[in-house]
Amino acid sequence: MAKTPMKGSSALVFAIAALPLSGCETVSLVIGGHAPAVPLSKAEIRRCLELPHKVGDSLVSPVPRPGNVFKPGYNFSVRQVDGSYGFGHQEAAEGRVIVRYPAQHKAVNLEATRRNGVVYFGDEPTNCR
Protein backbone atom coordinates (compact mmCIF):
# COMPACT_ATOMS: atom_id res chain seq x y z
CA MET A 1 0.00 0.00 0.00
CA ALA A 2 1.34 3.39 -0.93
CA LYS A 3 1.29 6.09 1.72
CA THR A 4 -0.33 9.34 0.73
CA PRO A 5 0.83 12.59 2.30
CA MET A 6 -1.65 14.56 4.40
CA LYS A 7 -3.32 17.27 2.46
CA GLY A 8 -4.79 20.59 3.39
CA SER A 9 -7.24 20.39 6.30
CA SER A 10 -6.03 16.98 7.55
CA ALA A 11 -2.52 18.33 8.14
CA LEU A 12 -3.92 21.43 9.86
CA VAL A 13 -6.10 19.37 12.22
CA PHE A 14 -3.11 17.16 13.12
CA ALA A 15 -0.91 20.21 13.77
CA ILE A 16 -3.52 21.85 16.02
CA ALA A 17 -4.11 18.60 17.95
CA ALA A 18 -0.35 18.20 18.56
CA LEU A 19 0.14 21.77 19.84
CA PRO A 20 -0.97 21.21 23.46
CA LEU A 21 1.32 18.19 23.77
CA SER A 22 4.37 20.05 22.52
CA GLY A 23 4.54 22.34 25.59
CA CYS A 24 6.40 21.53 28.80
CA GLU A 25 3.29 20.67 30.81
CA THR A 26 2.90 17.30 32.47
CA VAL A 27 -0.05 15.37 31.14
CA SER A 28 -1.88 13.39 33.84
CA LEU A 29 -4.09 10.47 33.01
CA VAL A 30 -7.34 10.55 34.97
CA ILE A 31 -9.19 7.27 35.36
CA GLY A 32 -12.72 7.29 36.72
CA GLY A 33 -12.34 10.84 38.02
CA HIS A 34 -9.20 9.99 40.05
CA ALA A 35 -5.58 10.51 39.16
CA PRO A 36 -3.54 7.29 39.36
CA ALA A 37 -1.54 6.57 42.52
CA VAL A 38 2.10 7.63 42.26
CA PRO A 39 4.64 5.72 44.39
CA LEU A 40 6.65 7.83 46.84
CA SER A 41 10.42 7.79 46.80
CA LYS A 42 12.34 6.36 49.74
CA ALA A 43 13.44 9.92 50.68
CA GLU A 44 9.82 11.19 50.68
CA ILE A 45 8.74 8.32 52.91
CA ARG A 46 11.67 8.88 55.30
CA ARG A 47 10.72 12.56 55.67
CA CYS A 48 7.24 11.49 56.70
CA LEU A 49 8.42 8.80 59.12
CA GLU A 50 10.83 11.22 60.85
CA LEU A 51 7.95 13.40 62.11
CA PRO A 52 4.80 12.61 64.09
CA HIS A 53 2.09 11.82 61.54
CA LYS A 54 -1.42 10.45 61.31
CA VAL A 55 -2.23 7.24 59.51
CA GLY A 56 -5.98 6.92 59.32
CA ASP A 57 -7.17 7.87 62.81
CA SER A 58 -3.97 6.80 64.61
CA LEU A 59 -1.12 9.14 65.60
CA VAL A 60 2.34 7.69 64.88
CA SER A 61 5.34 9.18 66.67
CA PRO A 62 9.03 8.47 66.01
CA VAL A 63 9.81 10.03 69.40
CA PRO A 64 9.18 8.14 72.65
CA ARG A 65 6.74 9.59 75.14
CA PRO A 66 8.35 11.72 77.87
CA GLY A 67 10.21 9.59 80.39
CA ASN A 68 10.33 6.57 78.06
CA VAL A 69 12.80 5.12 75.59
CA PHE A 70 12.23 2.69 72.74
CA LYS A 71 13.44 -0.85 73.31
CA PRO A 72 16.02 -2.12 70.80
CA GLY A 73 14.30 -2.96 67.51
CA TYR A 74 11.55 -0.37 67.98
CA ASN A 75 11.44 3.14 66.50
CA PHE A 76 7.84 4.33 66.80
CA SER A 77 4.79 4.38 68.99
CA VAL A 78 1.24 4.67 67.76
CA ARG A 79 -1.64 6.11 69.75
CA GLN A 80 -4.74 4.35 68.62
CA VAL A 81 -8.29 5.66 68.58
CA ASP A 82 -9.15 3.87 71.84
CA GLY A 83 -6.25 5.68 73.60
CA SER A 84 -3.96 2.66 73.85
CA TYR A 85 -0.40 2.64 72.52
CA GLY A 86 1.34 0.19 70.24
CA PHE A 87 5.04 -0.01 69.41
CA GLY A 88 6.95 -1.23 66.41
CA HIS A 89 9.64 -0.60 63.83
CA GLN A 90 9.00 1.17 60.54
CA GLU A 91 11.32 1.68 57.61
CA ALA A 92 11.12 3.26 54.19
CA ALA A 93 11.73 1.52 50.87
CA GLU A 94 11.06 2.73 47.33
CA GLY A 95 7.27 3.07 47.14
CA ARG A 96 6.75 1.03 50.33
CA VAL A 97 6.63 1.31 54.12
CA ILE A 98 7.57 -1.80 56.05
CA VAL A 99 6.06 -1.90 59.54
CA ARG A 100 7.17 -4.59 61.97
CA TYR A 101 5.63 -5.45 65.32
CA PRO A 102 8.40 -7.50 67.01
CA ALA A 103 6.36 -8.53 70.06
CA GLN A 104 3.68 -10.04 67.83
CA HIS A 105 6.16 -11.39 65.24
CA LYS A 106 4.19 -9.64 62.50
CA ALA A 107 5.15 -7.40 59.61
CA VAL A 108 3.12 -5.36 57.16
CA ASN A 109 4.44 -4.23 53.80
CA LEU A 110 2.36 -1.24 52.61
CA GLU A 111 2.37 0.69 49.37
CA ALA A 112 3.26 4.35 49.92
CA THR A 113 1.54 6.43 47.25
CA ARG A 114 0.22 9.90 46.52
CA ARG A 115 -3.27 10.16 45.02
CA ASN A 116 -4.94 13.48 44.36
CA GLY A 117 -2.40 15.23 46.61
CA VAL A 118 -2.93 12.88 49.59
CA VAL A 119 -0.25 10.44 50.80
CA TYR A 120 -1.52 6.93 51.54
CA PHE A 121 0.14 4.07 53.38
CA GLY A 122 -1.80 1.12 52.02
CA ASP A 123 -5.46 2.23 51.98
CA GLU A 124 -5.07 4.64 54.91
CA PRO A 125 -4.69 8.38 54.24
CA THR A 126 -1.92 10.17 56.12
CA ASN A 127 -1.24 13.82 56.87
CA CYS A 128 2.23 13.56 55.29
CA ARG A 129 3.06 16.05 52.55
C-alpha atoms as a PDB file:
ATOM      1  CA  MET A   1       0.000   0.000   0.000  1.00  0.00           C
ATOM      2  CA  ALA A   2       1.340   3.387  -0.933  1.00  0.00           C
ATOM      3  CA  LYS A   3       1.295   6.095   1.721  1.00  0.00           C
ATOM      4  CA  THR A   4      -0.332   9.342   0.727  1.00  0.00           C
ATOM      5  CA  PRO A   5       0.831  12.587   2.303  1.00  0.00           C
ATOM      6  CA  MET A   6      -1.650  14.557   4.398  1.00  0.00           C
ATOM      7  CA  LYS A   7      -3.319  17.272   2.457  1.00  0.00           C
ATOM      8  CA  GLY A   8      -4.794  20.594   3.393  1.00  0.00           C
ATOM      9  CA  SER A   9      -7.242  20.394   6.295  1.00  0.00           C
ATOM     10  CA  SER A  10      -6.030  16.984   7.545  1.00  0.00           C
ATOM     11  CA  ALA A  11      -2.524  18.333   8.139  1.00  0.00           C
ATOM     12  CA  LEU A  12      -3.925  21.435   9.860  1.00  0.00           C
ATOM     13  CA  VAL A  13      -6.101  19.370  12.221  1.00  0.00           C
ATOM     14  CA  PHE A  14      -3.112  17.159  13.121  1.00  0.00           C
ATOM     15  CA  ALA A  15      -0.907  20.210  13.772  1.00  0.00           C
ATOM     16  CA  ILE A  16      -3.520  21.851  16.019  1.00  0.00           C
ATOM     17  CA  ALA A  17      -4.106  18.595  17.949  1.00  0.00           C
ATOM     18  CA  ALA A  18      -0.354  18.198  18.563  1.00  0.00           C
ATOM     19  CA  LEU A  19       0.139  21.766  19.843  1.00  0.00           C
ATOM     20  CA  PRO A  20      -0.969  21.211  23.461  1.00  0.00           C
ATOM     21  CA  LEU A  21       1.315  18.185  23.774  1.00  0.00           C
ATOM     22  CA  SER A  22       4.366  20.050  22.524  1.00  0.00           C
ATOM     23  CA  GLY A  23       4.543  22.341  25.594  1.00  0.00           C
ATOM     24  CA  CYS A  24       6.395  21.533  28.799  1.00  0.00           C
ATOM     25  CA  GLU A  25       3.295  20.665  30.810  1.00  0.00           C
ATOM     26  CA  THR A  26       2.898  17.300  32.467  1.00  0.00           C
ATOM     27  CA  VAL A  27      -0.051  15.372  31.141  1.00  0.00           C
ATOM     28  CA  SER A  28      -1.883  13.387  33.840  1.00  0.00           C
ATOM     29  CA  LEU A  29      -4.090  10.474  33.007  1.00  0.00           C
ATOM     30  CA  VAL A  30      -7.335  10.555  34.967  1.00  0.00           C
ATOM     31  CA  ILE A  31      -9.186   7.275  35.357  1.00  0.00           C
ATOM     32  CA  GLY A  32     -12.721   7.289  36.717  1.00  0.00           C
ATOM     33  CA  GLY A  33     -12.343  10.836  38.024  1.00  0.00           C
ATOM     34  CA  HIS A  34      -9.202   9.991  40.054  1.00  0.00           C
ATOM     35  CA  ALA A  35      -5.578  10.507  39.162  1.00  0.00           C
ATOM     36  CA  PRO A  36      -3.544   7.295  39.357  1.00  0.00           C
ATOM     37  CA  ALA A  37      -1.542   6.568  42.516  1.00  0.00           C
ATOM     38  CA  VAL A  38       2.097   7.634  42.260  1.00  0.00           C
ATOM     39  CA  PRO A  39       4.636   5.716  44.389  1.00  0.00           C
ATOM     40  CA  LEU A  40       6.650   7.827  46.836  1.00  0.00           C
ATOM     41  CA  SER A  41      10.416   7.786  46.800  1.00  0.00           C
ATOM     42  CA  LYS A  42      12.338   6.356  49.739  1.00  0.00           C
ATOM     43  CA  ALA A  43      13.436   9.916  50.680  1.00  0.00           C
ATOM     44  CA  GLU A  44       9.822  11.192  50.678  1.00  0.00           C
ATOM     45  CA  ILE A  45       8.737   8.324  52.907  1.00  0.00           C
ATOM     46  CA  ARG A  46      11.673   8.876  55.302  1.00  0.00           C
ATOM     47  CA  ARG A  47      10.725  12.560  55.669  1.00  0.00           C
ATOM     48  CA  CYS A  48       7.238  11.494  56.705  1.00  0.00           C
ATOM     49  CA  LEU A  49       8.423   8.801  59.123  1.00  0.00           C
ATOM     50  CA  GLU A  50      10.827  11.219  60.849  1.00  0.00           C
ATOM     51  CA  LEU A  51       7.954  13.397  62.109  1.00  0.00           C
ATOM     52  CA  PRO A  52       4.803  12.607  64.087  1.00  0.00           C
ATOM     53  CA  HIS A  53       2.091  11.825  61.536  1.00  0.00           C
ATOM     54  CA  LYS A  54      -1.424  10.450  61.308  1.00  0.00           C
ATOM     55  CA  VAL A  55      -2.229   7.237  59.510  1.00  0.00           C
ATOM     56  CA  GLY A  56      -5.978   6.924  59.317  1.00  0.00           C
ATOM     57  CA  ASP A  57      -7.173   7.872  62.806  1.00  0.00           C
ATOM     58  CA  SER A  58      -3.969   6.803  64.606  1.00  0.00           C
ATOM     59  CA  LEU A  59      -1.124   9.137  65.602  1.00  0.00           C
ATOM     60  CA  VAL A  60       2.336   7.687  64.880  1.00  0.00           C
ATOM     61  CA  SER A  61       5.343   9.178  66.668  1.00  0.00           C
ATOM     62  CA  PRO A  62       9.031   8.471  66.008  1.00  0.00           C
ATOM     63  CA  VAL A  63       9.810  10.034  69.404  1.00  0.00           C
ATOM     64  CA  PRO A  64       9.183   8.138  72.652  1.00  0.00           C
ATOM     65  CA  ARG A  65       6.735   9.595  75.137  1.00  0.00           C
ATOM     66  CA  PRO A  66       8.349  11.718  77.866  1.00  0.00           C
ATOM     67  CA  GLY A  67      10.210   9.587  80.387  1.00  0.00           C
ATOM     68  CA  ASN A  68      10.326   6.575  78.061  1.00  0.00           C
ATOM     69  CA  VAL A  69      12.798   5.118  75.588  1.00  0.00           C
ATOM     70  CA  PHE A  70      12.232   2.695  72.738  1.00  0.00           C
ATOM     71  CA  LYS A  71      13.436  -0.854  73.311  1.00  0.00           C
ATOM     72  CA  PRO A  72      16.022  -2.118  70.803  1.00  0.00           C
ATOM     73  CA  GLY A  73      14.298  -2.958  67.510  1.00  0.00           C
ATOM     74  CA  TYR A  74      11.547  -0.368  67.984  1.00  0.00           C
ATOM     75  CA  ASN A  75      11.444   3.135  66.500  1.00  0.00           C
ATOM     76  CA  PHE A  76       7.843   4.334  66.797  1.00  0.00           C
ATOM     77  CA  SER A  77       4.790   4.376  68.989  1.00  0.00           C
ATOM     78  CA  VAL A  78       1.237   4.667  67.765  1.00  0.00           C
ATOM     79  CA  ARG A  79      -1.642   6.115  69.747  1.00  0.00           C
ATOM     80  CA  GLN A  80      -4.741   4.347  68.622  1.00  0.00           C
ATOM     81  CA  VAL A  81      -8.289   5.664  68.577  1.00  0.00           C
ATOM     82  CA  ASP A  82      -9.146   3.867  71.841  1.00  0.00           C
ATOM     83  CA  GLY A  83      -6.247   5.684  73.603  1.00  0.00           C
ATOM     84  CA  SER A  84      -3.963   2.655  73.853  1.00  0.00           C
ATOM     85  CA  TYR A  85      -0.398   2.638  72.522  1.00  0.00           C
ATOM     86  CA  GLY A  86       1.340   0.192  70.244  1.00  0.00           C
ATOM     87  CA  PHE A  87       5.035  -0.008  69.408  1.00  0.00           C
ATOM     88  CA  GLY A  88       6.954  -1.226  66.413  1.00  0.00           C
ATOM     89  CA  HIS A  89       9.636  -0.601  63.827  1.00  0.00           C
ATOM     90  CA  GLN A  90       9.001   1.173  60.543  1.00  0.00           C
ATOM     91  CA  GLU A  91      11.324   1.682  57.611  1.00  0.00           C
ATOM     92  CA  ALA A  92      11.125   3.255  54.187  1.00  0.00           C
ATOM     93  CA  ALA A  93      11.733   1.517  50.872  1.00  0.00           C
ATOM     94  CA  GLU A  94      11.056   2.726  47.326  1.00  0.00           C
ATOM     95  CA  GLY A  95       7.265   3.066  47.141  1.00  0.00           C
ATOM     96  CA  ARG A  96       6.745   1.032  50.331  1.00  0.00           C
ATOM     97  CA  VAL A  97       6.627   1.308  54.120  1.00  0.00           C
ATOM     98  CA  ILE A  98       7.575  -1.804  56.047  1.00  0.00           C
ATOM     99  CA  VAL A  99       6.058  -1.897  59.543  1.00  0.00           C
ATOM    100  CA  ARG A 100       7.173  -4.591  61.967  1.00  0.00           C
ATOM    101  CA  TYR A 101       5.634  -5.455  65.321  1.00  0.00           C
ATOM    102  CA  PRO A 102       8.403  -7.504  67.007  1.00  0.00           C
ATOM    103  CA  ALA A 103       6.357  -8.529  70.065  1.00  0.00           C
ATOM    104  CA  GLN A 104       3.680 -10.036  67.826  1.00  0.00           C
ATOM    105  CA  HIS A 105       6.162 -11.388  65.241  1.00  0.00           C
ATOM    106  CA  LYS A 106       4.191  -9.639  62.496  1.00  0.00           C
ATOM    107  CA  ALA A 107       5.155  -7.403  59.614  1.00  0.00           C
ATOM    108  CA  VAL A 108       3.122  -5.356  57.165  1.00  0.00           C
ATOM    109  CA  ASN A 109       4.445  -4.229  53.797  1.00  0.00           C
ATOM    110  CA  LEU A 110       2.364  -1.243  52.613  1.00  0.00           C
ATOM    111  CA  GLU A 111       2.368   0.694  49.374  1.00  0.00           C
ATOM    112  CA  ALA A 112       3.262   4.355  49.923  1.00  0.00           C
ATOM    113  CA  THR A 113       1.541   6.426  47.250  1.00  0.00           C
ATOM    114  CA  ARG A 114       0.225   9.896  46.517  1.00  0.00           C
ATOM    115  CA  ARG A 115      -3.271  10.158  45.024  1.00  0.00           C
ATOM    116  CA  ASN A 116      -4.942  13.481  44.360  1.00  0.00           C
ATOM    117  CA  GLY A 117      -2.396  15.231  46.610  1.00  0.00           C
ATOM    118  CA  VAL A 118      -2.934  12.882  49.589  1.00  0.00           C
ATOM    119  CA  VAL A 119      -0.255  10.438  50.795  1.00  0.00           C
ATOM    120  CA  TYR A 120      -1.521   6.927  51.542  1.00  0.00           C
ATOM    121  CA  PHE A 121       0.138   4.068  53.380  1.00  0.00           C
ATOM    122  CA  GLY A 122      -1.804   1.124  52.022  1.00  0.00           C
ATOM    123  CA  ASP A 123      -5.457   2.228  51.979  1.00  0.00           C
ATOM    124  CA  GLU A 124      -5.070   4.639  54.912  1.00  0.00           C
ATOM    125  CA  PRO A 125      -4.685   8.380  54.243  1.00  0.00           C
ATOM    126  CA  THR A 126      -1.918  10.168  56.122  1.00  0.00           C
ATOM    127  CA  ASN A 127      -1.239  13.823  56.865  1.00  0.00           C
ATOM    128  CA  CYS A 128       2.232  13.565  55.286  1.00  0.00           C
ATOM    129  CA  ARG A 129       3.062  16.054  52.547  1.00  0.00           C
END
